[in-house]
Amino acid sequence: MSSDLLSALNKNGSGLNLRELARTLSTAETAPRLDVLKSQIQNDNVKLSALGQIRVQFQALNGALAQTATNPVLIVSTTTPTMMPKVTDRNLLRPDSVPLQVQSLAARQVLEFGGFASGAAPVDVGTLGVEFGSWSTTDGTSFTADAARPGQSLTIPPGTTLDGLAGILSAVPGITARVLDKGDGTVSLGIVSETGANNALRFTATPGTSSGGIDLSMFDTTVSNAQRQVQAAANASVMVDGIAVSRPTNVIRDIMPGVEVTLSATGAGTLSIERDEQAARSNVEKLVEGLNGVMSLLQSLTSRGVAGTPPGDLAGDRSIETLQQDLRRLIATPLSGFSDRPIHLADLGIATERNGLFRFDPPAFDRTFRDRAGDFDALFGDQLRSLTTGLSVRGQVSPELPSGDLPFSVDAGGNGQLGGYAMVGLSLGDGQRAFIALAGPVQGLSVLAEPGVTEGRVRFGRSLVGSLGALLARAEEGTGIIGRRENDLGRSSRTATERMEALEARAAVVEKRYLTRFAAMEQAVTQMKSTGDYIQNLQKMWARDG
């Protein structure tokens, strides 16, 4: 409204473009601060973009670290496909070679009860006792029950069919029963145990009142086991380094630590755990490439600008410079917890250049792999193991647990300590005890002590890949270095945007105030000009009259 009035008055007033003058004065008052805020937002956006580049490079390095995990230096091999190894705990792997000769496989007991019309045939009521144990291998008529597995008494209710009996039996852990069509007009009830000589079955029938169905006594094997048995339950028999061992299953987990072996046929072969030089070389080269990608980017972004070169987008950013220093410190620190001496990266073929980047050093790599190939384990995989015979350690290692040796001891109350932290003791029978850590950096670990073992030592080594992965993850978290800087810059940009909006609103108010004042001024000028014109006209009239 004031601008419209000003336009009307301005026709007979000062003649100045007062509307533009008001806008200019308002802009002069707010523009410098707006320019500062715009520059701040622009700088914040540049830094956010730079932090995004670091995130992308970190992800590339994490990808390289993940590749090393899928390309392990320690590999397990077999000379025959009938002995297939599978790694269950890479921390327990040690170079080894074990000759095996499988003399017989573990087998399930298979019983067949045949001659029935169909699965819908009714079965008389009664009870059927089930026991687990072993049948004599000499005559097949003598049964020894397993005292650790008490027998069960199964009630066969009215209306049970042969299919229903199979279901009742299959509900018992360790038993699988099914009705099979023989293809000759009859069906058979097949009953199968788990593998192992001590998992054989004995059925004792107590018939009830007959209703014309299948007599329950037909399933009694107390004296007819040999006639009903299609296959006897048996253990696997294996020669390990010439020593005969017997196991109830064909999946054997205690021949080589950290490896389970599945047997599928009799025969001889060799299981080997060895370090693969090509895998180690490939892993080191990928690691060097990933480290150089991160370090070169950090150097570029934090450069202060010398010899006329412009500074990096994050020059002077103390947080990112701290992250860069943490990475350098981590890479420069020797790896401990893998042997009795620290392991230096330079010995593994990772050399540091004068410019702060890295290069693969083939001679150093070859020399160390030839003389101390085990040192490469420190690069790619954490290692947790017991140094004491009769003591074993398991569990998920906390990120806070440092590398090194941890003393273990059992106190008079039957509880334990690992590295000075309390562990709860549990009796497992036969003198064995388990100790579980519930707090501190050892939380998540458990120690198994054989009878009589009350003290020992556990060693933990955190690999370079593990330490790098943890550092990168911490940096990228919302509370980490990168996450905090992104949050700070985001808040700064939002605050600057809000201040700009406030200044722009203030500029509109200031411009309106100037327009209001100019309107009043222009009105006064117009009135003064009108009065002047009146006086001049009056003087002219006086002059004519005189």
Protein backbone atom coordinates (compact mmCIF):
# COMPACT_ATOMS: atom_id res chain seq x y z
CA MET A 1 0.00 0.00 0.00
CA SER A 2 2.83 2.43 0.88
CA SER A 3 4.55 1.72 -2.49
CA ASP A 4 1.28 2.54 -4.35
CA LEU A 5 0.93 5.78 -2.39
CA LEU A 6 4.57 6.57 -3.06
CA SER A 7 4.05 6.10 -6.80
CA ALA A 8 1.08 8.48 -6.75
CA LEU A 9 2.89 11.10 -4.71
CA ASN A 10 6.13 10.74 -6.61
CA LYS A 11 4.51 12.23 -9.74
CA ASN A 12 4.43 15.67 -8.07
CA GLY A 13 7.14 15.08 -5.49
CA SER A 14 10.93 14.72 -5.53
CA GLY A 15 11.04 12.71 -8.73
CA LEU A 16 13.50 10.24 -7.18
CA ASN A 17 13.10 6.42 -7.60
CA LEU A 18 12.44 6.00 -3.92
CA ARG A 19 11.16 2.43 -4.25
CA GLU A 20 14.53 1.30 -5.66
CA LEU A 21 16.29 3.39 -3.04
CA ALA A 22 14.37 1.57 -0.27
CA ARG A 23 15.28 -1.81 -1.79
CA THR A 24 18.95 -0.78 -2.06
CA LEU A 25 19.11 0.41 1.53
CA SER A 26 17.43 -2.77 2.78
CA THR A 27 19.82 -4.95 0.75
CA ALA A 28 22.83 -3.01 2.00
CA GLU A 29 21.78 -3.75 5.56
CA THR A 30 21.31 -7.56 5.13
CA ALA A 31 23.38 -8.60 2.09
CA PRO A 32 26.79 -8.91 3.84
CA ARG A 33 25.38 -11.28 6.44
CA LEU A 34 23.48 -13.25 3.76
CA ASP A 35 26.69 -13.61 1.75
CA VAL A 36 28.49 -14.96 4.82
CA LEU A 37 25.72 -17.50 5.44
CA LYS A 38 25.61 -18.57 1.78
CA SER A 39 29.37 -19.07 1.83
CA GLN A 40 29.06 -21.11 5.03
CA ILE A 41 26.39 -23.38 3.50
CA GLN A 42 28.47 -23.81 0.37
CA ASN A 43 31.55 -24.73 2.43
CA ASP A 44 29.49 -27.15 4.54
CA ASN A 45 28.17 -28.82 1.40
CA VAL A 46 31.71 -29.15 0.00
CA LYS A 47 32.85 -30.77 3.24
CA LEU A 48 29.84 -33.09 3.32
CA SER A 49 30.66 -34.15 -0.22
CA ALA A 50 34.27 -34.82 0.82
CA LEU A 51 33.07 -36.92 3.77
CA GLY A 52 30.89 -38.85 1.34
CA GLN A 53 33.99 -39.58 -0.74
CA ILE A 54 35.71 -40.94 2.37
CA ARG A 55 32.72 -43.17 3.08
CA VAL A 56 32.85 -44.55 -0.46
CA GLN A 57 36.59 -45.22 -0.16
CA PHE A 58 36.07 -46.88 3.23
CA GLN A 59 33.47 -49.14 1.64
CA ALA A 60 35.98 -50.05 -1.08
CA LEU A 61 38.57 -50.92 1.58
CA ASN A 62 35.97 -52.94 3.49
CA GLY A 63 35.28 -54.80 0.26
CA ALA A 64 38.97 -55.61 -0.06
CA LEU A 65 39.04 -56.81 3.54
CA ALA A 66 35.99 -59.01 2.88
CA GLN A 67 37.73 -60.52 -0.14
CA THR A 68 40.68 -61.55 2.00
CA ALA A 69 38.25 -63.29 4.35
CA THR A 70 36.90 -65.38 1.46
CA ASN A 71 40.41 -66.13 0.20
CA PRO A 72 42.04 -67.59 3.32
CA VAL A 73 45.75 -68.22 3.57
CA LEU A 74 45.14 -71.47 5.46
CA ILE A 75 43.29 -73.92 3.24
CA VAL A 76 42.02 -77.42 3.95
CA SER A 77 42.37 -80.02 1.21
CA THR A 78 41.71 -83.72 0.73
CA THR A 79 43.13 -86.33 -1.62
CA THR A 80 39.79 -88.09 -2.07
CA PRO A 81 36.19 -86.86 -2.46
CA THR A 82 35.04 -89.57 -0.03
CA MET A 83 36.56 -87.56 2.84
CA MET A 84 35.17 -84.02 2.51
CA PRO A 85 36.48 -81.44 5.01
CA LYS A 86 34.60 -78.35 6.16
CA VAL A 87 36.09 -75.51 8.23
CA THR A 88 34.04 -74.92 11.39
CA ASP A 89 36.40 -72.59 13.28
CA ARG A 90 39.14 -70.87 11.33
CA ASN A 91 40.74 -69.69 14.57
CA LEU A 92 41.68 -73.27 15.42
CA LEU A 93 43.32 -74.15 12.10
CA ARG A 94 46.99 -75.10 12.21
CA PRO A 95 49.17 -76.46 9.39
CA ASP A 96 48.92 -80.24 9.54
CA SER A 97 48.64 -83.37 7.42
CA VAL A 98 46.72 -86.43 8.63
CA PRO A 99 46.48 -89.78 6.79
CA LEU A 100 43.11 -91.53 7.21
CA GLN A 101 41.93 -95.00 6.32
CA VAL A 102 38.19 -95.53 6.57
CA GLN A 103 37.64 -99.23 7.29
CA SER A 104 33.86 -99.01 7.73
CA LEU A 105 31.18 -96.33 7.82
CA ALA A 106 28.79 -95.58 10.64
CA ALA A 107 25.40 -97.15 9.94
CA ARG A 108 21.82 -96.91 11.21
CA GLN A 109 19.84 -99.91 12.32
CA VAL A 110 17.09 -100.63 9.80
CA LEU A 111 14.15 -102.85 10.77
CA GLU A 112 11.40 -104.07 8.46
CA PHE A 113 8.00 -105.41 9.49
CA GLY A 114 6.22 -106.57 6.33
CA GLY A 115 3.24 -108.37 4.87
CA PHE A 116 0.55 -105.79 5.68
CA ALA A 117 -2.33 -104.92 3.37
CA SER A 118 -2.10 -101.12 3.60
CA GLY A 119 -1.12 -98.20 5.81
CA ALA A 120 -4.77 -97.91 6.81
CA ALA A 121 -4.75 -101.36 8.40
CA PRO A 122 -5.83 -101.14 12.08
CA VAL A 123 -3.42 -101.99 14.90
CA ASP A 124 -4.56 -103.54 18.18
CA VAL A 125 -4.23 -101.54 21.38
CA GLY A 126 -1.48 -102.07 23.95
CA THR A 127 1.92 -100.61 24.86
CA LEU A 128 5.21 -100.75 23.01
CA GLY A 129 8.42 -100.35 24.99
CA VAL A 130 11.35 -98.67 23.21
CA GLU A 131 14.98 -98.97 24.34
CA PHE A 132 18.23 -97.67 22.87
CA GLY A 133 21.46 -99.61 23.14
CA SER A 134 23.52 -102.19 21.27
CA TRP A 135 22.94 -105.71 20.00
CA SER A 136 25.62 -108.33 20.34
CA THR A 137 27.68 -108.57 17.15
CA THR A 138 28.22 -112.29 17.68
CA ASP A 139 24.70 -113.67 17.79
CA GLY A 140 22.52 -110.61 17.40
CA THR A 141 20.26 -111.79 20.23
CA SER A 142 21.86 -110.16 23.24
CA PHE A 143 20.90 -106.50 23.85
CA THR A 144 22.66 -104.06 26.20
CA ALA A 145 20.57 -101.01 27.02
CA ASP A 146 22.17 -97.56 27.11
CA ALA A 147 21.92 -96.46 30.75
CA ALA A 148 22.18 -92.81 29.72
CA ARG A 149 18.98 -93.05 27.66
CA PRO A 150 16.07 -94.44 29.68
CA GLY A 151 13.49 -96.42 27.73
CA GLN A 152 10.04 -95.17 26.84
CA SER A 153 6.63 -96.84 26.97
CA LEU A 154 4.38 -95.87 24.06
CA THR A 155 0.63 -96.27 24.45
CA ILE A 156 -1.14 -97.46 21.30
CA PRO A 157 -4.74 -96.18 21.58
CA PRO A 158 -7.86 -97.60 19.93
CA GLY A 159 -8.29 -96.67 16.26
CA THR A 160 -4.55 -96.59 15.56
CA THR A 161 -3.63 -97.60 12.00
CA LEU A 162 -0.26 -98.73 10.67
CA ASP A 163 0.33 -95.16 9.42
CA GLY A 164 -0.61 -93.89 12.87
CA LEU A 165 1.86 -96.28 14.52
CA ALA A 166 4.59 -94.92 12.24
CA GLY A 167 3.72 -91.42 13.44
CA ILE A 168 3.83 -92.46 17.11
CA LEU A 169 7.27 -94.03 16.64
CA SER A 170 8.65 -91.07 14.65
CA ALA A 171 7.73 -88.75 17.53
CA VAL A 172 10.42 -90.47 19.61
CA PRO A 173 13.77 -88.64 19.22
CA GLY A 174 16.24 -90.86 17.40
CA ILE A 175 13.63 -92.88 15.47
CA THR A 176 12.26 -92.48 11.96
CA ALA A 177 9.36 -94.74 10.88
CA ARG A 178 7.47 -94.84 7.61
CA VAL A 179 5.07 -97.15 5.75
CA LEU A 180 6.49 -98.19 2.37
CA ASP A 181 4.63 -99.71 -0.57
CA LYS A 182 6.60 -102.81 -1.58
CA GLY A 183 5.11 -102.91 -5.07
CA ASP A 184 3.86 -106.49 -4.66
CA GLY A 185 0.49 -105.68 -3.17
CA THR A 186 1.81 -105.36 0.41
CA VAL A 187 3.32 -102.61 2.55
CA SER A 188 6.07 -102.71 5.16
CA LEU A 189 6.70 -100.63 8.27
CA GLY A 190 10.33 -99.51 8.11
CA ILE A 191 11.99 -98.26 11.31
CA VAL A 192 15.39 -96.55 11.26
CA SER A 193 17.63 -95.46 14.14
CA GLU A 194 20.41 -92.89 14.15
CA THR A 195 23.93 -93.96 13.18
CA GLY A 196 26.15 -95.56 15.80
CA ALA A 197 26.39 -98.98 17.38
CA ASN A 198 24.84 -97.72 20.61
CA ASN A 199 21.77 -96.29 18.86
CA ALA A 200 20.22 -99.67 18.01
CA LEU A 201 16.60 -100.30 19.02
CA ARG A 202 14.73 -102.99 20.97
CA PHE A 203 10.94 -103.08 21.00
CA THR A 204 8.98 -104.91 23.71
CA ALA A 205 5.26 -105.33 23.04
CA THR A 206 2.52 -105.71 25.66
CA PRO A 207 -0.70 -106.42 23.70
CA GLY A 208 -4.05 -105.31 25.01
CA THR A 209 -7.49 -106.61 24.08
CA SER A 210 -7.54 -107.75 20.47
CA SER A 211 -10.04 -106.07 18.15
CA GLY A 212 -9.09 -108.02 15.04
CA GLY A 213 -6.34 -105.62 13.99
CA ILE A 214 -2.59 -106.20 13.63
CA ASP A 215 -1.32 -107.95 16.74
CA LEU A 216 1.08 -105.59 18.56
CA SER A 217 3.37 -108.53 19.38
CA MET A 218 4.41 -108.59 15.69
CA PHE A 219 6.57 -105.55 16.49
CA ASP A 220 8.34 -107.16 19.47
CA THR A 221 12.06 -107.66 18.69
CA THR A 222 13.28 -109.04 22.00
CA VAL A 223 13.87 -112.41 20.33
CA SER A 224 13.34 -111.63 16.63
CA ASN A 225 15.79 -108.81 16.07
CA ALA A 226 17.93 -110.83 13.66
CA GLN A 227 14.88 -111.72 11.54
CA ARG A 228 13.59 -108.11 11.39
CA GLN A 229 16.94 -106.41 10.97
CA VAL A 230 17.85 -105.28 7.46
CA GLN A 231 20.97 -103.40 8.56
CA ALA A 232 22.76 -103.39 11.90
CA ALA A 233 23.69 -100.17 13.70
CA ALA A 234 27.44 -99.63 13.60
CA ASN A 235 30.17 -97.10 14.34
CA ALA A 236 32.55 -95.70 11.77
CA SER A 237 35.95 -97.34 12.06
CA VAL A 238 38.86 -95.12 11.00
CA MET A 239 42.63 -95.41 11.22
CA VAL A 240 44.14 -91.99 12.05
CA ASP A 241 47.92 -91.98 11.71
CA GLY A 242 47.70 -95.74 12.13
CA ILE A 243 45.62 -95.48 15.33
CA ALA A 244 42.20 -97.14 15.24
CA VAL A 245 39.33 -94.87 16.33
CA SER A 246 35.58 -95.44 16.37
CA ARG A 247 32.89 -92.78 16.00
CA PRO A 248 29.07 -93.10 16.01
CA THR A 249 28.58 -90.83 12.95
CA ASN A 250 30.19 -90.28 9.58
CA VAL A 251 30.75 -86.60 10.39
CA ILE A 252 33.89 -86.51 12.51
CA ARG A 253 34.78 -83.26 14.25
CA ASP A 254 37.78 -84.11 16.43
CA ILE A 255 40.47 -85.32 14.04
CA MET A 256 41.74 -81.84 13.13
CA PRO A 257 40.86 -78.80 15.29
CA GLY A 258 38.49 -76.44 13.49
CA VAL A 259 37.58 -78.99 10.81
CA GLU A 260 34.78 -81.51 10.42
CA VAL A 261 35.17 -84.38 7.98
CA THR A 262 32.25 -86.14 6.27
CA LEU A 263 32.97 -89.74 5.28
CA SER A 264 31.05 -91.22 2.38
CA ALA A 265 32.92 -94.45 1.55
CA THR A 266 35.67 -96.73 2.76
CA GLY A 267 39.19 -96.13 1.51
CA ALA A 268 42.37 -94.23 2.27
CA GLY A 269 43.25 -90.56 1.88
CA THR A 270 45.01 -87.58 3.44
CA LEU A 271 43.64 -84.37 4.94
CA SER A 272 45.96 -81.38 4.80
CA ILE A 273 45.93 -77.86 6.20
CA GLU A 274 48.50 -75.67 4.52
CA ARG A 275 49.19 -72.07 3.66
CA ASP A 276 48.55 -71.07 0.07
CA GLU A 277 51.30 -68.73 -1.16
CA GLN A 278 49.23 -67.40 -4.07
CA ALA A 279 46.29 -66.65 -1.77
CA ALA A 280 48.58 -64.85 0.66
CA ARG A 281 50.19 -62.82 -2.14
CA SER A 282 46.81 -61.88 -3.61
CA ASN A 283 45.52 -60.85 -0.18
CA VAL A 284 48.53 -58.64 0.55
CA GLU A 285 48.28 -56.94 -2.85
CA LYS A 286 44.55 -56.26 -2.36
CA LEU A 287 45.27 -54.89 1.11
CA VAL A 288 47.97 -52.54 -0.18
CA GLU A 289 45.65 -51.33 -2.95
CA GLY A 290 42.80 -50.68 -0.51
CA LEU A 291 45.03 -48.88 2.00
CA ASN A 292 46.49 -46.65 -0.71
CA GLY A 293 43.02 -45.71 -1.90
CA VAL A 294 42.04 -44.52 1.57
CA MET A 295 45.33 -42.83 2.50
CA SER A 296 45.73 -40.99 -0.84
CA LEU A 297 42.18 -39.63 -0.58
CA LEU A 298 42.72 -38.50 3.02
CA GLN A 299 46.01 -36.83 2.02
CA SER A 300 44.30 -34.99 -0.84
CA LEU A 301 41.33 -33.83 1.24
CA THR A 302 43.39 -32.66 4.24
CA SER A 303 46.23 -31.05 2.23
CA ARG A 304 47.02 -27.52 3.51
CA GLY A 305 47.99 -26.33 0.02
CA VAL A 306 51.69 -25.77 -0.71
CA ALA A 307 53.68 -24.43 -3.67
CA GLY A 308 50.62 -22.74 -5.09
CA THR A 309 48.36 -25.78 -4.97
CA PRO A 310 44.88 -25.18 -3.54
CA PRO A 311 44.10 -26.68 -0.09
CA GLY A 312 41.94 -29.76 0.21
CA ASP A 313 38.24 -29.57 0.98
CA LEU A 314 38.88 -30.78 4.55
CA ALA A 315 42.11 -28.88 5.20
CA GLY A 316 42.38 -28.03 8.90
CA ASP A 317 39.58 -30.41 9.87
CA ARG A 318 40.97 -31.78 13.12
CA SER A 319 38.56 -34.72 13.23
CA ILE A 320 39.58 -36.08 9.84
CA GLU A 321 43.25 -35.41 10.54
CA THR A 322 42.83 -37.44 13.75
CA LEU A 323 41.27 -40.28 11.74
CA GLN A 324 44.20 -40.15 9.34
CA GLN A 325 46.65 -40.34 12.27
CA ASP A 326 44.72 -43.27 13.79
CA LEU A 327 45.02 -45.18 10.53
CA ARG A 328 48.75 -44.50 10.29
CA ARG A 329 49.27 -45.50 13.93
CA LEU A 330 47.31 -48.73 13.45
CA ILE A 331 49.29 -49.71 10.36
CA ALA A 332 52.62 -48.82 12.01
CA THR A 333 51.91 -50.83 15.18
CA PRO A 334 53.40 -54.37 15.16
CA LEU A 335 50.86 -57.19 15.43
CA SER A 336 50.96 -59.12 18.69
CA GLY A 337 49.20 -62.18 20.06
CA PHE A 338 50.18 -64.50 17.20
CA SER A 339 53.64 -65.61 18.28
CA ASP A 340 56.20 -64.93 20.96
CA ARG A 341 57.42 -61.85 19.08
CA PRO A 342 55.66 -58.93 17.38
CA ILE A 343 55.06 -59.13 13.63
CA HIS A 344 55.92 -56.09 11.49
CA LEU A 345 54.05 -55.36 8.26
CA ALA A 346 57.29 -54.56 6.46
CA ASP A 347 58.35 -58.18 6.94
CA LEU A 348 55.11 -59.35 5.29
CA GLY A 349 55.67 -57.36 2.13
CA ILE A 350 53.84 -54.12 3.02
CA ALA A 351 56.42 -51.34 2.69
CA THR A 352 55.78 -47.69 3.57
CA GLU A 353 56.81 -45.04 1.03
CA ARG A 354 58.11 -41.57 1.90
CA ASN A 355 54.87 -40.03 0.68
CA GLY A 356 52.94 -42.00 3.30
CA LEU A 357 51.48 -44.53 0.87
CA PHE A 358 52.33 -48.24 0.62
CA ARG A 359 53.74 -50.67 -1.92
CA PHE A 360 53.94 -54.42 -2.20
CA ASP A 361 57.50 -55.64 -1.53
CA PRO A 362 57.89 -59.07 -3.24
CA PRO A 363 61.37 -59.90 -1.83
CA ALA A 364 60.22 -59.32 1.76
CA PHE A 365 57.05 -61.30 1.12
CA ASP A 366 58.92 -64.24 -0.40
CA ARG A 367 61.50 -64.29 2.38
CA THR A 368 58.94 -64.33 5.18
CA PHE A 369 56.65 -66.85 3.49
CA ARG A 370 59.60 -69.16 3.02
CA ASP A 371 60.89 -68.86 6.60
CA ARG A 372 57.84 -67.93 8.72
CA ALA A 373 54.68 -68.46 6.68
CA GLY A 374 52.63 -68.52 9.89
CA ASP A 375 53.23 -64.78 10.33
CA PHE A 376 50.75 -64.09 7.53
CA ASP A 377 47.95 -65.40 9.76
CA ALA A 378 48.30 -62.12 11.67
CA LEU A 379 47.16 -60.13 8.63
CA PHE A 380 43.86 -61.75 7.80
CA GLY A 381 42.29 -63.60 10.73
CA ASP A 382 41.95 -63.08 14.48
CA GLN A 383 43.38 -65.91 16.52
CA LEU A 384 42.13 -67.15 19.89
CA ARG A 385 43.76 -70.21 21.42
CA SER A 386 44.91 -71.84 24.64
CA LEU A 387 48.61 -72.23 25.36
CA THR A 388 47.95 -74.80 28.08
CA THR A 389 47.32 -78.52 27.58
CA GLY A 390 43.91 -79.52 28.95
CA LEU A 391 42.53 -76.02 28.50
CA SER A 392 40.45 -74.82 25.55
CA VAL A 393 38.80 -71.47 24.84
CA ARG A 394 35.81 -70.58 22.67
CA GLY A 395 33.45 -67.69 22.03
CA GLN A 396 32.88 -64.35 20.35
CA VAL A 397 35.71 -61.92 21.03
CA SER A 398 34.73 -58.44 22.22
CA PRO A 399 36.04 -55.47 20.18
CA GLU A 400 37.53 -54.14 23.44
CA LEU A 401 39.74 -57.18 24.06
CA PRO A 402 43.39 -56.24 23.36
CA SER A 403 45.86 -58.61 21.75
CA GLY A 404 48.16 -60.54 24.07
CA ASP A 405 48.29 -63.31 26.66
CA LEU A 406 45.58 -63.70 29.30
CA PRO A 407 46.31 -65.70 32.48
CA PHE A 408 43.60 -68.13 33.60
CA SER A 409 43.11 -69.50 37.11
CA VAL A 410 40.49 -71.30 39.20
CA ASP A 411 39.78 -70.06 42.74
CA ALA A 412 38.88 -72.06 45.83
CA GLY A 413 35.16 -71.49 45.21
CA GLY A 414 35.26 -73.19 41.83
CA ASN A 415 34.98 -70.00 39.79
CA GLY A 416 37.63 -68.67 37.46
CA GLN A 417 39.44 -65.60 36.27
CA LEU A 418 40.66 -64.76 32.77
CA GLY A 419 42.92 -61.78 32.37
CA GLY A 420 41.82 -60.56 35.80
CA TYR A 421 38.09 -60.74 34.97
CA ALA A 422 35.68 -63.07 36.80
CA MET A 423 34.25 -66.17 35.16
CA VAL A 424 31.38 -68.30 36.46
CA GLY A 425 32.33 -71.98 36.89
CA LEU A 426 30.00 -74.82 35.89
CA SER A 427 30.54 -78.55 36.45
CA LEU A 428 30.17 -80.72 33.35
CA GLY A 429 30.74 -84.04 35.12
CA ASP A 430 33.72 -86.40 35.05
CA GLY A 431 35.88 -83.62 36.51
CA GLN A 432 35.43 -81.27 33.56
CA ARG A 433 34.49 -77.66 34.24
CA ALA A 434 33.35 -74.82 32.03
CA PHE A 435 33.97 -71.17 32.89
CA ILE A 436 31.92 -68.38 31.32
CA ALA A 437 32.78 -64.67 31.34
CA LEU A 438 29.77 -62.38 31.81
CA ALA A 439 31.44 -58.96 31.96
CA GLY A 440 34.52 -57.01 30.90
CA PRO A 441 36.42 -57.27 27.62
CA VAL A 442 36.48 -61.08 27.98
CA GLN A 443 32.66 -61.22 27.98
CA GLY A 444 31.45 -63.80 25.48
CA LEU A 445 34.39 -66.16 26.03
CA SER A 446 34.22 -69.56 27.70
CA VAL A 447 37.02 -71.78 28.91
CA LEU A 448 36.80 -75.58 29.19
CA ALA A 449 39.18 -77.13 31.72
CA GLU A 450 39.97 -80.84 31.84
CA PRO A 451 40.13 -82.59 35.25
CA GLY A 452 42.96 -81.26 37.40
CA VAL A 453 43.68 -78.16 35.28
CA THR A 454 43.39 -75.09 37.51
CA GLU A 455 45.56 -72.53 35.73
CA GLY A 456 46.91 -71.74 32.32
CA ARG A 457 47.24 -69.12 29.66
CA VAL A 458 45.10 -68.00 26.72
CA ARG A 459 46.45 -65.97 23.80
CA PHE A 460 44.47 -63.62 21.57
CA GLY A 461 45.74 -61.90 18.45
CA ARG A 462 43.66 -59.31 16.62
CA SER A 463 44.55 -59.31 12.93
CA LEU A 464 45.30 -56.22 10.87
CA VAL A 465 42.14 -56.86 8.85
CA GLY A 466 40.11 -57.17 12.07
CA SER A 467 41.57 -53.97 13.54
CA LEU A 468 41.08 -52.04 10.31
CA GLY A 469 37.50 -53.23 9.97
CA ALA A 470 36.73 -52.18 13.55
CA LEU A 471 38.33 -48.74 13.03
CA LEU A 472 36.40 -48.13 9.80
CA ALA A 473 33.13 -49.26 11.40
CA ARG A 474 33.63 -46.97 14.41
CA ALA A 475 34.44 -44.01 12.15
CA GLU A 476 31.29 -44.46 10.07
CA GLU A 477 28.90 -44.83 12.99
CA GLY A 478 26.67 -41.92 13.92
CA THR A 479 28.87 -41.32 17.00
CA GLY A 480 32.12 -41.93 15.08
CA ILE A 481 34.44 -39.35 13.56
CA ILE A 482 32.78 -39.23 10.14
CA GLY A 483 29.28 -39.57 11.55
CA ARG A 484 29.85 -36.73 14.05
CA ARG A 485 31.31 -34.40 11.41
CA GLU A 486 28.40 -35.11 9.07
CA ASN A 487 25.93 -34.40 11.88
CA ASP A 488 27.78 -31.19 12.85
CA LEU A 489 27.91 -29.94 9.26
CA GLY A 490 24.26 -30.83 8.74
CA ARG A 491 23.25 -28.86 11.82
CA SER A 492 25.46 -25.95 10.73
CA SER A 493 23.82 -25.85 7.28
CA ARG A 494 20.32 -26.01 8.76
CA THR A 495 21.11 -23.21 11.21
CA ALA A 496 22.58 -21.05 8.43
CA THR A 497 19.52 -21.69 6.25
CA GLU A 498 17.22 -20.67 9.10
CA ARG A 499 19.25 -17.49 9.64
CA MET A 500 19.09 -16.68 5.93
CA GLU A 501 15.33 -17.09 5.97
CA ALA A 502 15.16 -14.81 9.02
CA LEU A 503 17.38 -12.19 7.32
CA GLU A 504 15.32 -12.30 4.13
CA ALA A 505 12.19 -11.78 6.20
CA ARG A 506 13.91 -8.91 8.02
CA ALA A 507 14.96 -7.37 4.68
CA ALA A 508 11.32 -7.30 3.59
CA VAL A 509 10.35 -5.58 6.87
CA VAL A 510 13.19 -3.04 6.54
CA GLU A 511 12.25 -2.28 2.93
CA LYS A 512 8.64 -1.75 3.95
CA ARG A 513 9.73 0.58 6.76
CA TYR A 514 11.82 2.65 4.35
CA LEU A 515 8.91 2.81 1.90
CA THR A 516 6.61 4.04 4.67
CA ARG A 517 9.05 6.78 5.67
CA PHE A 518 9.72 7.76 2.07
CA ALA A 519 5.95 7.99 1.51
CA ALA A 520 5.64 10.43 4.43
CA MET A 521 8.63 12.37 3.17
CA GLU A 522 7.28 12.49 -0.39
CA GLN A 523 3.92 13.66 0.88
CA ALA A 524 5.62 16.51 2.74
CA VAL A 525 7.68 17.41 -0.35
CA THR A 526 4.52 17.38 -2.48
CA GLN A 527 2.74 19.67 -0.01
CA MET A 528 5.73 22.00 0.14
CA LYS A 529 5.94 22.05 -3.63
CA SER A 530 2.21 22.79 -3.87
CA THR A 531 2.55 25.66 -1.38
CA GLY A 532 5.52 27.00 -3.35
CA ASP A 533 3.55 26.89 -6.56
CA TYR A 534 0.68 28.77 -4.86
CA ILE A 535 2.99 31.51 -3.60
CA GLN A 536 4.63 31.84 -7.00
CA ASN A 537 1.25 32.15 -8.68
CA LEU A 538 0.16 34.71 -6.08
CA GLN A 539 3.30 36.78 -6.71
CA LYS A 540 2.62 36.70 -10.43
CA MET A 541 -0.94 37.95 -9.84
CA TRP A 542 0.36 40.80 -7.63
CA ALA A 543 2.82 41.76 -10.31
CA ARG A 544 0.07 41.99 -12.95
CA ASP A 545 -2.22 43.99 -10.68
CA GLY A 546 0.53 46.48 -9.75
